[in-house]
Amino acid sequence: MDPRRFRALALGLVFAVVLSAPIHAWAQEPARSAPNIVTVVETMRTYTQGLGVECIYCHVDGQNGRLNYRSDDNPRKQVARKMIAMTADINTMIGLGRSEHSTTRVTCLTCHRGVPDPRPLNDIIREKMEREGGQAAADHYRALRQRFFGGPAYDFREELLLTTVQTFVDGRPDEAIELLKMNLEFYPQSSRGYSALAYAYTRRRDDPSAMTALEKALDLDPDNSIARGQLEQLKKYQRRR
């Protein structure tokens, strides 16, 4: 990086920190000198890495293609200040009565794990489904999995997704089916996944599709006694009809 550009960026960060709403220690020490430029840059880097974002996530564009670090126009900057203060308070509390070397410190990464939205994946997918429907929820899950699978950000285990779908399969079976079909894209050999799909089909009163799903579940796991019992019940029910 061009040294002049680096100095401009670093000074901008210093101004942003010093002139922003103060973190507790700085607010209590107004006469304290400006922090070291390298320290500020490294601190800001931990924030962006913790959330998996770039500086523009909290700051706004300024003149000449540079970010305006002093501006408060981005609401996320206000949230960031509160989160920084909260983290400082937490570290102060957990450090009471303990030596510096025996205390675990909390950072942005502790909760965010490299993503802006630190909520569990099941909460994110459930909200997406409630607001935009099953197809949107399935598409969002695919996008998150493509980007974050294999990392610590989200739990992509099948069990978690199936448990999430169960919370609304009775009331919204069509949308549940969208997510359950998506689940089988990632777990095509899951007898449990096909059994869950079969149940969703019964809630939609689509018994033929439910029986097809149960037969697939039994092909994958002949010892799946639950799927076998459900399939026999559906066949008897259809004969009575």
Protein backbone atom coordinates (compact mmCIF):
# COMPACT_ATOMS: atom_id res chain seq x y z
CA MET A 1 0.00 0.00 0.00
CA ASP A 2 1.20 3.51 -0.77
CA PRO A 3 2.66 5.01 2.47
CA ARG A 4 0.72 8.24 2.04
CA ARG A 5 -2.52 6.36 1.61
CA PHE A 6 -1.78 4.25 4.70
CA ARG A 7 -1.08 7.37 6.79
CA ALA A 8 -4.30 8.99 5.59
CA LEU A 9 -6.28 5.87 6.44
CA ALA A 10 -4.65 5.51 9.84
CA LEU A 11 -5.20 9.15 10.73
CA GLY A 12 -8.81 8.82 9.65
CA LEU A 13 -9.22 5.89 12.02
CA VAL A 14 -7.63 7.85 14.84
CA PHE A 15 -9.98 10.76 14.29
CA ALA A 16 -12.93 8.38 14.12
CA VAL A 17 -12.02 6.82 17.45
CA VAL A 18 -11.09 9.98 19.27
CA LEU A 19 -14.03 12.05 18.03
CA SER A 20 -16.64 9.30 18.24
CA ALA A 21 -18.88 8.73 21.25
CA PRO A 22 -16.23 7.67 23.75
CA ILE A 23 -15.65 4.22 25.07
CA HIS A 24 -15.75 4.25 28.86
CA ALA A 25 -12.04 4.62 29.52
CA TRP A 26 -11.62 7.50 27.11
CA ALA A 27 -14.73 9.25 28.36
CA GLN A 28 -13.36 9.20 31.89
CA GLU A 29 -9.95 10.50 30.80
CA PRO A 30 -10.56 13.49 28.49
CA ALA A 31 -6.95 14.61 28.78
CA ARG A 32 -5.59 11.28 27.57
CA SER A 33 -3.40 11.53 24.47
CA ALA A 34 -4.51 10.07 21.13
CA PRO A 35 -3.92 6.32 20.87
CA ASN A 36 -1.12 4.88 18.81
CA ILE A 37 -2.03 4.68 15.09
CA VAL A 38 -0.92 1.07 14.73
CA THR A 39 -2.94 0.08 17.80
CA VAL A 40 -6.06 1.72 16.39
CA VAL A 41 -5.67 0.00 13.02
CA GLU A 42 -5.20 -3.38 14.71
CA THR A 43 -8.22 -2.79 16.94
CA MET A 44 -10.42 -1.90 13.99
CA ARG A 45 -9.16 -4.98 12.19
CA THR A 46 -10.38 -7.19 15.05
CA TYR A 47 -13.84 -5.64 14.67
CA THR A 48 -14.05 -6.29 10.94
CA GLN A 49 -12.69 -9.82 11.30
CA GLY A 50 -15.06 -10.58 14.16
CA LEU A 51 -18.07 -9.60 12.03
CA GLY A 52 -16.70 -10.74 8.67
CA VAL A 53 -17.25 -7.29 7.13
CA GLU A 54 -15.34 -4.36 5.64
CA CYS A 55 -14.99 -0.83 7.05
CA ILE A 56 -17.90 0.37 4.89
CA TYR A 57 -20.22 -1.76 7.01
CA CYS A 58 -20.13 0.89 9.77
CA HIS A 59 -18.69 3.93 8.00
CA VAL A 60 -19.94 5.93 5.00
CA ASP A 61 -18.37 7.08 1.77
CA GLY A 62 -16.68 10.45 1.84
CA GLN A 63 -14.96 12.60 -0.73
CA ASN A 64 -12.36 11.48 -3.26
CA GLY A 65 -13.33 7.83 -2.87
CA ARG A 66 -12.35 7.71 0.81
CA LEU A 67 -14.43 6.71 3.79
CA ASN A 68 -15.69 9.43 6.10
CA TYR A 69 -14.71 7.96 9.45
CA ARG A 70 -16.01 10.97 11.40
CA SER A 71 -19.56 10.77 10.05
CA ASP A 72 -22.32 9.27 12.20
CA ASP A 73 -24.75 8.84 9.30
CA ASN A 74 -24.51 5.05 9.31
CA PRO A 75 -26.77 3.65 12.09
CA ARG A 76 -24.52 0.61 12.41
CA LYS A 77 -21.81 2.85 13.80
CA GLN A 78 -24.05 3.71 16.74
CA VAL A 79 -24.73 0.02 17.33
CA ALA A 80 -21.02 -0.71 17.15
CA ARG A 81 -20.29 1.82 19.89
CA LYS A 82 -22.82 0.17 22.18
CA MET A 83 -21.40 -3.27 21.45
CA ILE A 84 -17.84 -2.08 22.15
CA ALA A 85 -18.95 -0.58 25.46
CA MET A 86 -20.87 -3.75 26.32
CA THR A 87 -17.82 -5.89 25.59
CA ALA A 88 -15.67 -3.67 27.79
CA ASP A 89 -18.20 -3.96 30.63
CA ILE A 90 -18.33 -7.76 30.30
CA ASN A 91 -14.56 -8.06 30.39
CA THR A 92 -14.44 -5.82 33.45
CA MET A 93 -17.01 -7.93 35.29
CA ILE A 94 -15.51 -11.33 34.49
CA GLY A 95 -12.10 -10.01 35.48
CA LEU A 96 -13.11 -8.96 38.98
CA GLY A 97 -11.14 -10.85 41.60
CA ARG A 98 -9.11 -12.79 39.05
CA SER A 99 -5.57 -12.43 37.83
CA GLU A 100 -4.96 -11.10 34.35
CA HIS A 101 -3.53 -14.43 33.18
CA SER A 102 -6.46 -16.56 34.39
CA THR A 103 -9.28 -14.54 32.82
CA THR A 104 -10.87 -15.31 29.47
CA ARG A 105 -11.59 -12.16 27.52
CA VAL A 106 -14.64 -11.57 25.35
CA THR A 107 -14.17 -10.15 21.85
CA CYS A 108 -16.45 -9.51 18.87
CA LEU A 109 -15.51 -12.94 17.56
CA THR A 110 -16.80 -14.62 20.73
CA CYS A 111 -20.41 -14.07 19.70
CA HIS A 112 -20.28 -13.12 16.03
CA ARG A 113 -17.91 -15.89 14.88
CA GLY A 114 -17.14 -13.96 11.70
CA VAL A 115 -20.72 -13.01 10.73
CA PRO A 116 -22.68 -9.75 11.19
CA ASP A 117 -25.77 -11.57 12.54
CA PRO A 118 -24.69 -13.68 15.55
CA ARG A 119 -28.06 -15.38 16.09
CA PRO A 120 -28.27 -19.18 15.83
CA LEU A 121 -29.05 -20.44 12.34
CA ASN A 122 -32.43 -21.88 13.32
CA ASP A 123 -33.60 -18.45 14.52
CA ILE A 124 -32.48 -16.83 11.26
CA ILE A 125 -34.22 -19.42 9.09
CA ARG A 126 -37.39 -19.38 11.17
CA GLU A 127 -37.66 -15.60 10.91
CA LYS A 128 -37.00 -15.73 7.16
CA MET A 129 -39.74 -18.29 6.72
CA GLU A 130 -42.26 -16.34 8.80
CA ARG A 131 -41.63 -13.11 6.90
CA GLU A 132 -41.00 -14.28 3.34
CA GLY A 133 -42.06 -17.93 3.08
CA GLY A 134 -40.49 -21.32 2.67
CA GLN A 135 -38.81 -20.73 -0.68
CA ALA A 136 -37.05 -17.59 0.57
CA ALA A 137 -35.96 -19.44 3.72
CA ALA A 138 -34.57 -22.31 1.65
CA ASP A 139 -32.71 -19.95 -0.66
CA HIS A 140 -31.25 -18.08 2.31
CA TYR A 141 -30.12 -21.32 3.91
CA ARG A 142 -28.39 -22.38 0.68
CA ALA A 143 -26.61 -19.03 0.45
CA LEU A 144 -25.40 -19.18 4.06
CA ARG A 145 -24.26 -22.77 3.68
CA GLN A 146 -22.34 -22.01 0.51
CA ARG A 147 -20.51 -19.16 2.22
CA PHE A 148 -19.99 -20.44 5.76
CA PHE A 149 -20.10 -24.25 5.72
CA GLY A 150 -17.10 -25.78 7.46
CA GLY A 151 -16.49 -22.76 9.69
CA PRO A 152 -17.62 -21.83 13.20
CA ALA A 153 -20.29 -19.36 12.10
CA TYR A 154 -23.38 -21.57 11.88
CA ASP A 155 -24.47 -25.09 12.76
CA PHE A 156 -25.52 -26.77 9.51
CA ARG A 157 -26.27 -30.20 10.97
CA GLU A 158 -29.38 -31.86 9.58
CA GLU A 159 -30.81 -32.40 13.05
CA LEU A 160 -30.98 -28.68 13.69
CA LEU A 161 -32.78 -27.94 10.43
CA LEU A 162 -35.32 -30.74 10.91
CA THR A 163 -36.03 -29.52 14.44
CA THR A 164 -36.58 -26.00 13.10
CA VAL A 165 -39.00 -27.22 10.42
CA GLN A 166 -41.01 -29.19 12.97
CA THR A 167 -42.05 -25.97 14.67
CA PHE A 168 -44.22 -24.90 11.73
CA VAL A 169 -44.88 -28.03 9.65
CA ASP A 170 -48.41 -28.49 11.01
CA GLY A 171 -49.54 -24.95 10.29
CA ARG A 172 -47.56 -24.25 7.10
CA PRO A 173 -46.84 -27.60 5.43
CA ASP A 174 -46.22 -26.21 1.94
CA GLU A 175 -43.42 -23.99 3.19
CA ALA A 176 -42.03 -26.76 5.37
CA ILE A 177 -41.85 -28.99 2.29
CA GLU A 178 -39.65 -26.41 0.54
CA LEU A 179 -37.12 -26.60 3.36
CA LEU A 180 -37.31 -30.38 3.67
CA LYS A 181 -36.67 -30.84 -0.05
CA MET A 182 -33.71 -28.50 0.28
CA ASN A 183 -32.43 -30.56 3.20
CA LEU A 184 -32.34 -33.64 0.96
CA GLU A 185 -30.11 -31.76 -1.49
CA PHE A 186 -27.42 -31.82 1.20
CA TYR A 187 -28.38 -35.14 2.84
CA PRO A 188 -29.71 -37.32 0.00
CA GLN A 189 -29.07 -40.52 1.96
CA SER A 190 -31.03 -39.41 5.03
CA SER A 191 -33.83 -41.79 5.93
CA ARG A 192 -34.86 -39.37 8.65
CA GLY A 193 -35.07 -36.54 6.11
CA TYR A 194 -37.45 -38.50 3.90
CA SER A 195 -39.56 -39.45 6.91
CA ALA A 196 -39.87 -35.79 7.87
CA LEU A 197 -40.85 -34.94 4.30
CA ALA A 198 -43.49 -37.66 4.35
CA TYR A 199 -45.04 -36.22 7.49
CA ALA A 200 -45.20 -32.77 5.88
CA TYR A 201 -46.99 -34.29 2.88
CA THR A 202 -49.60 -35.84 5.19
CA ARG A 203 -50.24 -32.40 6.69
CA ARG A 204 -50.97 -31.23 3.15
CA ARG A 205 -53.21 -34.28 2.63
CA ASP A 206 -50.96 -35.56 -0.13
CA ASP A 207 -50.82 -39.23 0.86
CA PRO A 208 -49.36 -40.57 -2.42
CA SER A 209 -46.33 -38.28 -2.10
CA ALA A 210 -46.04 -39.19 1.57
CA MET A 211 -45.96 -42.91 0.75
CA THR A 212 -43.32 -42.35 -1.92
CA ALA A 213 -41.15 -40.50 0.60
CA LEU A 214 -41.62 -43.25 3.20
CA GLU A 215 -40.69 -45.94 0.69
CA LYS A 216 -37.49 -44.02 -0.03
CA ALA A 217 -36.81 -43.75 3.69
CA LEU A 218 -37.13 -47.54 3.99
CA ASP A 219 -34.90 -48.13 0.98
CA LEU A 220 -32.20 -46.15 2.75
CA ASP A 221 -32.85 -47.69 6.16
CA PRO A 222 -34.87 -50.93 6.21
CA ASP A 223 -34.74 -50.91 10.02
CA ASN A 224 -36.62 -47.58 10.24
CA SER A 225 -39.59 -48.99 12.13
CA ILE A 226 -41.28 -45.60 12.43
CA ALA A 227 -41.31 -45.10 8.67
CA ARG A 228 -42.54 -48.66 8.15
CA GLY A 229 -45.41 -48.22 10.58
CA GLN A 230 -46.43 -44.90 9.01
CA LEU A 231 -46.38 -46.41 5.52
CA GLU A 232 -48.59 -49.32 6.56
CA GLN A 233 -51.07 -46.95 8.18
CA LEU A 234 -51.29 -44.82 5.07
CA LYS A 235 -51.87 -47.85 2.84
CA LYS A 236 -54.66 -49.16 5.07
CA TYR A 237 -56.23 -45.71 5.27
CA GLN A 238 -56.30 -45.38 1.50
CA ARG A 239 -57.89 -48.83 1.09
CA ARG A 240 -60.66 -47.87 3.52
CA ARG A 241 -61.33 -44.74 1.53
